[in-house]
Amino acid sequence: MKSIGVSLSEQYLAVRKQSVDICQPLEIEDYQVQPMTDASPPKWHLAHVTWFFETFILKSFVPGYRPFERSYEVLFNSYYNGVGNQFPRSRRGTLSRPTVSEVLHYREHVDASMLALLDSDASDEVVFKITLGLHHEQQHQELLFTDLKYNFGNNPLAPSYNGCQILPGGHSEPLAFSGYQGGVYQIGVDAGNEFAFDNESPRHDVLVRDFALADRLVTNGEFLEFIMDDGYSRPELWLSDAWTLRQTLGEDAWTHPLYWRLQGDGYEEYTLSGLQTMNPDQPVCHVSAYEADAYARWKGMRLPTEMEWEVAVQKQEKTGNFAENGYCHPIPATGPGMNELYGNLWEWTQSSYAPYPGFKPFPGQLGEYNGKFMANQLVLRGGSCVTPQSHIRPSYRNFFYAGDRWQFSGIRLAHDQD
């Protein structure tokens, strides 16, 4: 047994406070809205991350612990079949009860028990699960932003979140590329003192060819050129699944990135600060992997593999436009040289989300955390403007379906080196 230590206690308090702080600008009505099936109401996020600590830590490691409310074991279970039943995801927005105040009381109840545990001695297993719970909550902090934006961005009033800083100006440098020598590299992580999700391990060898990676993300202005060249209407640029999806959704469904609005001869873009004239120098965001791939084909290039991305980032400092900056939106590149590999936008890769050689999921019920989603999705790398900086790592693997657009996702071009 060992003392958990003040640092983990401080981390716990800081992460838990940040979730509530993100919701401070909201009106009470905003807590309940579920704008689409893939998104969840803010109230549900606040309760679910609390359920995680109660389910996987307090109920297992605190003798005599009594759950706050038995019905919450179903209402706020996301997808853990090994734990029990779940309330249907598509109906989370119908839960007018428990109220917001009851959910906040639930958080206070669990926090009190967690703080008592944090003051005690604990096994390595307890320390690991608390750390996992904190990273899990940081993931939901990002989802709070993305799901709120989908709610507000589809509201005819285009309301402002009122929790973001004024976006800085800037001018994008001409697009340039940095070359990388091919060879055998190591990516991923091995189990050690630093936390990582199970899908990031084990560390292993990969073979890459000589490649080049763009020094910055594709901008709004550059993507507009693709639109003006009828990029959305040219089937030779699109993967078959993408073209079929666009036909299913209707010709008018995808004609520009999510949150762009055609106004007269130009575009406005909805940001969490409200509608703004589209800034051509800001990185284009809220594009699907299908759109990113079509744009890359139009440019005669391709998306990077996740292996190439991790090779490129190995000598980069973990700096960038993260949630702590408070912009809630990508900002223009800061100058020449490699920019934005961390923060600003999650970067689509062409790599399928699959297990690494020798992958082992977390033990027990937590094995459902990542492994069971390793099919039909693509990997994104780098973090975004609403990702907590302490949450990201060179080996971090995010994953979404190729047609998803509501995340803060963008495009970095790559090409082979002859």
Protein backbone atom coordinates (compact mmCIF):
# COMPACT_ATOMS: atom_id res chain seq x y z
CA MET A 1 0.00 0.00 0.00
CA LYS A 2 1.14 3.54 -0.62
CA SER A 3 -0.07 7.08 -0.11
CA ILE A 4 -1.88 8.49 -3.13
CA GLY A 5 -0.18 11.82 -2.55
CA VAL A 6 -1.13 15.45 -2.74
CA SER A 7 -0.39 15.77 -6.46
CA LEU A 8 -3.10 13.30 -7.46
CA SER A 9 -5.50 14.92 -5.00
CA GLU A 10 -4.83 18.29 -6.59
CA GLN A 11 -5.27 16.83 -10.05
CA TYR A 12 -8.58 15.31 -9.02
CA LEU A 13 -9.94 18.56 -7.64
CA ALA A 14 -8.72 20.56 -10.64
CA VAL A 15 -10.19 18.22 -13.24
CA ARG A 16 -13.52 17.92 -11.45
CA LYS A 17 -13.76 21.69 -11.05
CA GLN A 18 -12.97 22.26 -14.73
CA SER A 19 -15.99 20.23 -15.87
CA VAL A 20 -18.32 22.39 -13.80
CA ASP A 21 -16.52 25.58 -14.89
CA ILE A 22 -17.09 24.72 -18.57
CA CYS A 23 -20.82 24.70 -17.85
CA GLN A 24 -20.87 28.00 -15.94
CA PRO A 25 -21.81 30.15 -18.99
CA LEU A 26 -24.83 27.93 -19.73
CA GLU A 27 -28.44 28.70 -19.04
CA ILE A 28 -30.39 26.00 -17.24
CA GLU A 29 -32.20 25.07 -20.48
CA ASP A 30 -28.88 24.31 -22.20
CA TYR A 31 -28.07 21.45 -19.82
CA GLN A 32 -30.81 19.22 -21.21
CA VAL A 33 -30.54 19.53 -25.00
CA GLN A 34 -29.34 16.53 -26.99
CA PRO A 35 -28.81 17.92 -30.50
CA MET A 36 -28.24 14.54 -32.18
CA THR A 37 -27.84 10.88 -31.27
CA ASP A 38 -24.03 11.04 -31.25
CA ALA A 39 -24.01 13.97 -28.82
CA SER A 40 -25.14 14.09 -25.20
CA PRO A 41 -26.63 16.79 -22.98
CA PRO A 42 -24.18 18.62 -20.66
CA LYS A 43 -26.12 17.29 -17.66
CA TRP A 44 -25.51 13.71 -18.80
CA HIS A 45 -21.77 14.32 -19.23
CA LEU A 46 -21.50 15.73 -15.71
CA ALA A 47 -23.31 12.71 -14.29
CA HIS A 48 -21.59 10.04 -16.40
CA VAL A 49 -18.04 10.99 -15.41
CA THR A 50 -19.21 10.88 -11.79
CA TRP A 51 -20.77 7.46 -12.37
CA PHE A 52 -17.35 6.31 -13.63
CA PHE A 53 -15.62 7.14 -10.33
CA GLU A 54 -18.47 5.66 -8.30
CA THR A 55 -18.68 2.45 -10.35
CA PHE A 56 -15.04 1.56 -10.91
CA ILE A 57 -13.45 2.97 -7.75
CA LEU A 58 -15.78 3.70 -4.83
CA LYS A 59 -17.96 0.59 -5.13
CA SER A 60 -14.87 -1.62 -5.46
CA PHE A 61 -12.42 -0.09 -3.00
CA VAL A 62 -14.40 1.68 -0.26
CA PRO A 63 -15.86 -0.84 2.21
CA GLY A 64 -19.53 -0.22 2.90
CA TYR A 65 -19.90 2.42 0.19
CA ARG A 66 -23.55 2.96 -0.73
CA PRO A 67 -24.34 4.29 -4.23
CA PHE A 68 -25.94 7.72 -4.29
CA GLU A 69 -28.95 6.52 -6.31
CA ARG A 70 -29.41 2.99 -7.67
CA SER A 71 -31.21 4.16 -10.81
CA TYR A 72 -28.12 6.14 -11.83
CA GLU A 73 -26.31 2.85 -12.37
CA VAL A 74 -28.38 2.45 -15.55
CA LEU A 75 -29.09 6.08 -16.48
CA PHE A 76 -25.43 7.10 -16.67
CA ASN A 77 -23.76 3.90 -17.85
CA SER A 78 -22.49 4.73 -21.34
CA TYR A 79 -21.58 1.41 -22.97
CA TYR A 80 -20.21 -0.95 -20.32
CA ASN A 81 -22.17 -4.13 -20.93
CA GLY A 82 -20.13 -5.96 -18.31
CA VAL A 83 -21.38 -3.51 -15.67
CA GLY A 84 -25.06 -3.72 -16.52
CA ASN A 85 -27.82 -2.21 -18.62
CA GLN A 86 -27.77 1.28 -20.11
CA PHE A 87 -30.45 3.85 -20.79
CA PRO A 88 -30.68 4.25 -24.61
CA ARG A 89 -28.14 6.75 -25.88
CA SER A 90 -30.62 8.29 -28.32
CA ARG A 91 -32.97 9.18 -25.44
CA ARG A 92 -30.56 10.91 -23.05
CA GLY A 93 -32.12 14.25 -23.96
CA THR A 94 -35.50 13.09 -22.63
CA LEU A 95 -34.23 12.81 -19.05
CA SER A 96 -35.65 15.95 -17.48
CA ARG A 97 -34.99 14.24 -14.15
CA PRO A 98 -32.68 14.07 -12.32
CA THR A 99 -32.44 17.84 -12.33
CA VAL A 100 -29.22 19.75 -12.81
CA SER A 101 -29.09 20.51 -9.09
CA GLU A 102 -29.50 16.81 -8.30
CA VAL A 103 -26.66 15.93 -10.67
CA LEU A 104 -24.43 18.52 -9.02
CA HIS A 105 -25.38 17.06 -5.63
CA TYR A 106 -24.43 13.63 -7.00
CA ARG A 107 -21.02 15.03 -7.95
CA GLU A 108 -20.55 16.50 -4.46
CA HIS A 109 -21.49 13.18 -2.84
CA VAL A 110 -19.01 11.21 -4.94
CA ASP A 111 -16.30 13.85 -4.55
CA ALA A 112 -16.57 13.67 -0.77
CA SER A 113 -16.04 9.90 -0.84
CA MET A 114 -13.23 10.21 -3.37
CA LEU A 115 -11.45 12.83 -1.28
CA ALA A 116 -11.60 10.53 1.72
CA LEU A 117 -10.06 7.79 -0.40
CA LEU A 118 -7.42 10.20 -1.71
CA ASP A 119 -6.38 10.87 1.89
CA SER A 120 -5.78 7.18 2.53
CA ASP A 121 -3.24 4.60 1.47
CA ALA A 122 -4.02 2.90 -1.80
CA SER A 123 -2.79 0.15 -4.06
CA ASP A 124 -1.30 0.69 -7.49
CA GLU A 125 -4.60 -0.49 -8.94
CA VAL A 126 -6.52 2.28 -7.17
CA VAL A 127 -4.02 4.93 -8.27
CA PHE A 128 -4.24 3.70 -11.85
CA LYS A 129 -8.05 3.72 -11.90
CA ILE A 130 -8.24 7.21 -10.42
CA THR A 131 -5.79 8.44 -13.05
CA LEU A 132 -7.81 6.73 -15.77
CA GLY A 133 -10.96 8.37 -14.40
CA LEU A 134 -9.35 11.81 -14.64
CA HIS A 135 -8.30 11.27 -18.26
CA HIS A 136 -11.79 9.95 -18.95
CA GLU A 137 -13.29 13.13 -17.53
CA GLN A 138 -10.95 15.25 -19.66
CA GLN A 139 -12.25 13.42 -22.72
CA HIS A 140 -15.76 14.40 -21.70
CA GLN A 141 -14.68 18.00 -21.15
CA GLU A 142 -13.82 18.11 -24.84
CA LEU A 143 -17.14 16.47 -25.67
CA LEU A 144 -18.91 19.15 -23.63
CA PHE A 145 -17.52 21.74 -26.06
CA THR A 146 -18.22 19.76 -29.22
CA ASP A 147 -21.75 18.78 -28.21
CA LEU A 148 -22.60 22.31 -27.06
CA LYS A 149 -21.33 23.69 -30.34
CA TYR A 150 -23.55 21.30 -32.28
CA ASN A 151 -26.52 22.47 -30.21
CA PHE A 152 -25.78 26.19 -30.55
CA GLY A 153 -24.53 25.93 -34.13
CA ASN A 154 -27.83 24.41 -35.27
CA ASN A 155 -29.92 26.94 -33.36
CA PRO A 156 -31.33 29.66 -35.67
CA LEU A 157 -30.28 32.27 -33.09
CA ALA A 158 -26.62 31.16 -33.34
CA PRO A 159 -26.07 31.91 -29.62
CA SER A 160 -22.64 32.57 -28.18
CA TYR A 161 -21.24 30.28 -25.51
CA ASN A 162 -19.79 33.36 -23.75
CA GLY A 163 -16.86 31.43 -22.39
CA CYS A 164 -14.25 32.02 -25.09
CA GLN A 165 -11.48 34.55 -25.64
CA ILE A 166 -11.41 36.86 -28.67
CA LEU A 167 -9.73 35.04 -31.54
CA PRO A 168 -6.33 36.47 -32.51
CA GLY A 169 -5.61 37.63 -36.03
CA GLY A 170 -2.77 36.34 -38.12
CA HIS A 171 -1.62 35.54 -41.61
CA SER A 172 -0.85 32.05 -42.80
CA GLU A 173 2.53 31.40 -44.33
CA PRO A 174 2.62 29.76 -47.78
CA LEU A 175 2.19 26.02 -47.48
CA ALA A 176 5.54 24.24 -47.16
CA PHE A 177 6.59 20.66 -46.45
CA SER A 178 9.18 19.04 -44.21
CA GLY A 179 10.78 15.82 -45.36
CA TYR A 180 11.38 12.76 -43.20
CA GLN A 181 13.69 9.85 -43.94
CA GLY A 182 12.14 6.45 -44.16
CA GLY A 183 13.24 3.52 -42.09
CA VAL A 184 12.31 1.52 -39.02
CA TYR A 185 10.96 3.61 -36.15
CA GLN A 186 9.29 2.85 -32.86
CA ILE A 187 5.86 4.21 -31.99
CA GLY A 188 3.46 3.68 -29.11
CA VAL A 189 4.28 3.32 -25.43
CA ASP A 190 5.26 0.61 -23.01
CA ALA A 191 3.66 0.31 -19.60
CA GLY A 192 5.54 2.51 -17.17
CA ASN A 193 5.19 5.40 -14.78
CA GLU A 194 3.38 7.67 -17.25
CA PHE A 195 -0.30 7.08 -17.93
CA ALA A 196 -1.44 5.99 -21.38
CA PHE A 197 -4.59 4.33 -22.70
CA ASP A 198 -4.38 0.66 -23.59
CA ASN A 199 -4.77 1.42 -27.32
CA GLU A 200 -1.41 3.26 -27.29
CA SER A 201 0.62 0.18 -26.44
CA PRO A 202 2.77 -1.76 -26.76
CA ARG A 203 5.66 0.16 -28.24
CA HIS A 204 6.65 -1.51 -31.48
CA ASP A 205 8.61 -1.16 -34.71
CA VAL A 206 7.05 0.30 -37.84
CA LEU A 207 8.50 0.71 -41.32
CA VAL A 208 7.85 3.96 -43.15
CA ARG A 209 9.02 5.18 -46.54
CA ASP A 210 10.49 8.62 -47.16
CA PHE A 211 7.62 11.10 -46.76
CA ALA A 212 6.87 14.78 -46.45
CA LEU A 213 4.39 16.44 -44.10
CA ALA A 214 2.85 19.88 -44.46
CA ASP A 215 4.18 22.48 -42.02
CA ARG A 216 0.69 23.65 -41.14
CA LEU A 217 -2.97 22.73 -41.45
CA VAL A 218 -5.10 23.49 -44.51
CA THR A 219 -6.81 26.88 -44.15
CA ASN A 220 -10.36 28.03 -44.79
CA GLY A 221 -9.17 29.99 -47.81
CA GLU A 222 -7.47 26.97 -49.32
CA PHE A 223 -10.50 24.78 -48.75
CA LEU A 224 -12.70 27.44 -50.34
CA GLU A 225 -10.70 26.98 -53.55
CA PHE A 226 -11.68 23.31 -53.47
CA ILE A 227 -15.33 24.31 -53.12
CA MET A 228 -15.12 26.85 -55.95
CA ASP A 229 -13.59 24.17 -58.19
CA ASP A 230 -16.72 22.02 -57.66
CA GLY A 231 -14.78 19.68 -55.39
CA TYR A 232 -17.95 18.47 -53.71
CA SER A 233 -19.49 17.51 -57.06
CA ARG A 234 -16.63 15.56 -58.64
CA PRO A 235 -16.98 11.81 -58.01
CA GLU A 236 -13.38 11.10 -59.05
CA LEU A 237 -12.21 12.84 -55.87
CA TRP A 238 -14.36 10.86 -53.46
CA LEU A 239 -14.12 7.42 -51.94
CA SER A 240 -17.02 5.16 -52.90
CA ASP A 241 -18.45 5.05 -49.37
CA ALA A 242 -18.19 8.83 -49.15
CA TRP A 243 -19.98 9.39 -52.45
CA THR A 244 -22.73 6.97 -51.42
CA LEU A 245 -23.15 8.73 -48.08
CA ARG A 246 -23.43 12.12 -49.75
CA GLN A 247 -26.07 10.80 -52.13
CA THR A 248 -27.97 9.29 -49.21
CA LEU A 249 -27.87 12.55 -47.25
CA GLY A 250 -28.88 14.60 -50.32
CA GLU A 251 -26.92 16.89 -52.63
CA ASP A 252 -27.35 19.89 -50.34
CA ALA A 253 -26.20 18.10 -47.17
CA TRP A 254 -22.46 18.49 -47.75
CA THR A 255 -21.47 21.51 -49.79
CA HIS A 256 -19.06 23.08 -47.32
CA PRO A 257 -17.65 22.33 -43.84
CA LEU A 258 -20.01 22.03 -40.92
CA TYR A 259 -20.89 25.44 -39.40
CA TRP A 260 -20.19 27.42 -42.59
CA ARG A 261 -23.16 29.47 -43.79
CA LEU A 262 -23.36 31.02 -47.25
CA GLN A 263 -24.27 34.69 -46.94
CA GLY A 264 -24.45 36.58 -50.21
CA ASP A 265 -21.14 36.18 -52.00
CA GLY A 266 -19.23 34.87 -49.00
CA TYR A 267 -19.34 32.60 -45.99
CA GLU A 268 -19.90 33.09 -42.32
CA GLU A 269 -18.73 30.51 -39.81
CA TYR A 270 -20.37 29.63 -36.54
CA THR A 271 -17.92 29.57 -33.65
CA LEU A 272 -18.60 29.20 -29.95
CA SER A 273 -18.30 32.99 -29.86
CA GLY A 274 -21.16 33.25 -32.36
CA LEU A 275 -21.33 33.84 -36.11
CA GLN A 276 -18.25 35.43 -37.65
CA THR A 277 -17.10 36.27 -41.13
CA MET A 278 -15.10 33.26 -42.29
CA ASN A 279 -11.40 33.99 -41.75
CA PRO A 280 -9.43 32.56 -44.72
CA ASP A 281 -6.25 32.22 -42.62
CA GLN A 282 -7.75 30.07 -39.89
CA PRO A 283 -7.43 26.27 -40.29
CA VAL A 284 -10.52 24.69 -41.80
CA CYS A 285 -12.31 22.64 -39.17
CA HIS A 286 -15.28 20.35 -38.69
CA VAL A 287 -14.58 18.35 -41.83
CA SER A 288 -15.02 14.61 -42.09
CA ALA A 289 -12.27 12.21 -43.10
CA TYR A 290 -14.13 11.83 -46.38
CA GLU A 291 -13.86 15.58 -47.05
CA ALA A 292 -10.24 15.62 -45.92
CA ASP A 293 -9.41 12.74 -48.25
CA ALA A 294 -11.23 14.36 -51.20
CA TYR A 295 -9.37 17.63 -50.64
CA ALA A 296 -6.03 15.80 -50.49
CA ARG A 297 -6.80 14.01 -53.78
CA TRP A 298 -7.74 17.34 -55.35
CA LYS A 299 -4.32 18.65 -54.35
CA GLY A 300 -2.61 15.55 -55.75
CA MET A 301 -1.57 14.49 -52.26
CA ARG A 302 -2.85 12.30 -49.44
CA LEU A 303 -3.50 12.19 -45.71
CA PRO A 304 -0.63 11.04 -43.49
CA THR A 305 -0.60 7.67 -41.79
CA GLU A 306 -0.65 7.69 -38.00
CA MET A 307 2.83 6.15 -38.08
CA GLU A 308 4.15 9.08 -40.12
CA TRP A 309 2.48 11.56 -37.79
CA GLU A 310 4.08 10.04 -34.70
CA VAL A 311 7.49 9.90 -36.38
CA ALA A 312 7.18 13.60 -37.23
CA VAL A 313 6.15 14.61 -33.71
CA GLN A 314 8.90 12.76 -31.85
CA LYS A 315 11.14 15.84 -31.71
CA GLN A 316 8.36 18.40 -31.30
CA GLU A 317 7.53 20.17 -28.04
CA LYS A 318 4.00 19.66 -26.73
CA THR A 319 2.91 23.23 -27.34
CA GLY A 320 -0.06 24.58 -29.25
CA ASN A 321 -3.55 26.00 -29.05
CA PHE A 322 -5.21 23.94 -26.31
CA ALA A 323 -8.31 24.39 -24.15
CA GLU A 324 -6.30 26.38 -21.62
CA ASN A 325 -5.87 29.17 -24.21
CA GLY A 326 -9.61 29.75 -24.11
CA TYR A 327 -10.15 30.46 -27.81
CA CYS A 328 -12.46 27.47 -28.42
CA HIS A 329 -11.43 27.65 -32.08
CA PRO A 330 -8.35 27.01 -34.21
CA ILE A 331 -6.02 29.94 -34.80
CA PRO A 332 -3.72 30.74 -37.74
CA ALA A 333 -0.24 29.23 -37.83
CA THR A 334 2.25 31.21 -35.77
CA GLY A 335 4.96 31.38 -38.40
CA PRO A 336 7.19 29.36 -40.73
CA GLY A 337 8.34 25.89 -39.77
CA MET A 338 6.35 22.96 -38.44
CA ASN A 339 3.16 24.24 -36.76
CA GLU A 340 0.17 22.88 -34.92
CA LEU A 341 1.14 19.23 -34.63
CA TYR A 342 -0.27 19.58 -31.14
CA GLY A 343 -3.51 21.38 -30.42
CA ASN A 344 -5.65 23.51 -32.74
CA LEU A 345 -7.35 20.58 -34.51
CA TRP A 346 -7.43 16.82 -34.42
CA GLU A 347 -5.75 15.71 -37.63
CA TRP A 348 -7.32 12.97 -39.73
CA THR A 349 -5.01 10.18 -40.78
CA GLN A 350 -5.64 7.47 -43.36
CA SER A 351 -4.94 4.77 -40.74
CA SER A 352 -7.62 2.40 -39.57
CA TYR A 353 -8.19 2.27 -35.84
CA ALA A 354 -6.85 -1.20 -35.13
CA PRO A 355 -4.94 -2.88 -32.31
CA TYR A 356 -1.17 -2.65 -32.22
CA PRO A 357 0.73 -5.97 -32.38
CA GLY A 358 0.54 -7.45 -28.90
CA PHE A 359 -2.31 -5.18 -27.79
CA LYS A 360 -3.85 -6.08 -24.43
CA PRO A 361 -6.98 -4.28 -23.24
CA PHE A 362 -7.33 -2.96 -19.71
CA PRO A 363 -8.19 -5.80 -17.31
CA GLY A 364 -11.73 -6.60 -16.25
CA GLN A 365 -14.72 -4.48 -17.14
CA LEU A 366 -12.49 -1.58 -18.19
CA GLY A 367 -11.42 -3.73 -21.15
CA GLU A 368 -14.49 -2.26 -22.89
CA TYR A 369 -12.95 1.23 -22.79
CA ASN A 370 -11.21 1.14 -26.19
CA GLY A 371 -10.73 -2.32 -27.62
CA LYS A 372 -14.28 -3.09 -28.69
CA PHE A 373 -14.34 -0.02 -30.96
CA MET A 374 -11.43 -1.19 -33.12
CA ALA A 375 -13.43 -1.60 -36.33
CA ASN A 376 -14.54 0.73 -39.14
CA GLN A 377 -13.04 3.89 -37.66
CA LEU A 378 -10.03 6.09 -38.49
CA VAL A 379 -7.32 7.47 -36.23
CA LEU A 380 -6.88 11.18 -35.52
CA ARG A 381 -3.79 12.65 -33.89
CA GLY A 382 -2.61 15.74 -32.03
CA GLY A 383 -5.44 17.16 -29.94
CA SER A 384 -7.50 20.29 -30.55
CA CYS A 385 -8.29 23.77 -29.30
CA VAL A 386 -10.68 22.23 -26.75
CA THR A 387 -8.37 19.43 -25.59
CA PRO A 388 -6.73 19.92 -22.18
CA GLN A 389 -2.98 20.17 -22.73
CA SER A 390 -2.18 17.73 -19.93
CA HIS A 391 -4.36 15.13 -21.63
CA ILE A 392 -2.40 14.76 -24.87
CA ARG A 393 0.70 12.69 -25.69
CA PRO A 394 2.71 11.88 -28.83
CA SER A 395 1.20 8.38 -28.79
CA TYR A 396 -2.43 9.46 -28.19
CA ARG A 397 -4.86 7.81 -30.63
CA ASN A 398 -8.26 9.40 -31.08
CA PHE A 399 -10.77 7.66 -33.35
CA PHE A 400 -14.00 8.49 -35.13
CA TYR A 401 -16.01 7.27 -38.07
CA ALA A 402 -14.96 8.68 -41.43
CA GLY A 403 -18.23 10.59 -41.85
CA ASP A 404 -18.12 12.37 -38.48
CA ARG A 405 -17.89 16.16 -38.67
CA TRP A 406 -18.88 17.61 -35.29
CA GLN A 407 -15.47 17.12 -33.69
CA PHE A 408 -12.75 19.77 -34.02
CA SER A 409 -11.04 17.95 -36.90
CA GLY A 410 -8.86 19.31 -39.69
CA ILE A 411 -6.49 18.45 -42.51
CA ARG A 412 -2.72 18.12 -42.74
CA LEU A 413 -1.41 17.07 -46.14
CA ALA A 414 1.31 14.52 -46.81
CA HIS A 415 3.00 13.04 -49.85
CA ASP A 416 5.60 10.44 -50.70
CA GLN A 417 9.20 11.51 -51.25
CA ASP A 418 10.70 10.30 -54.49
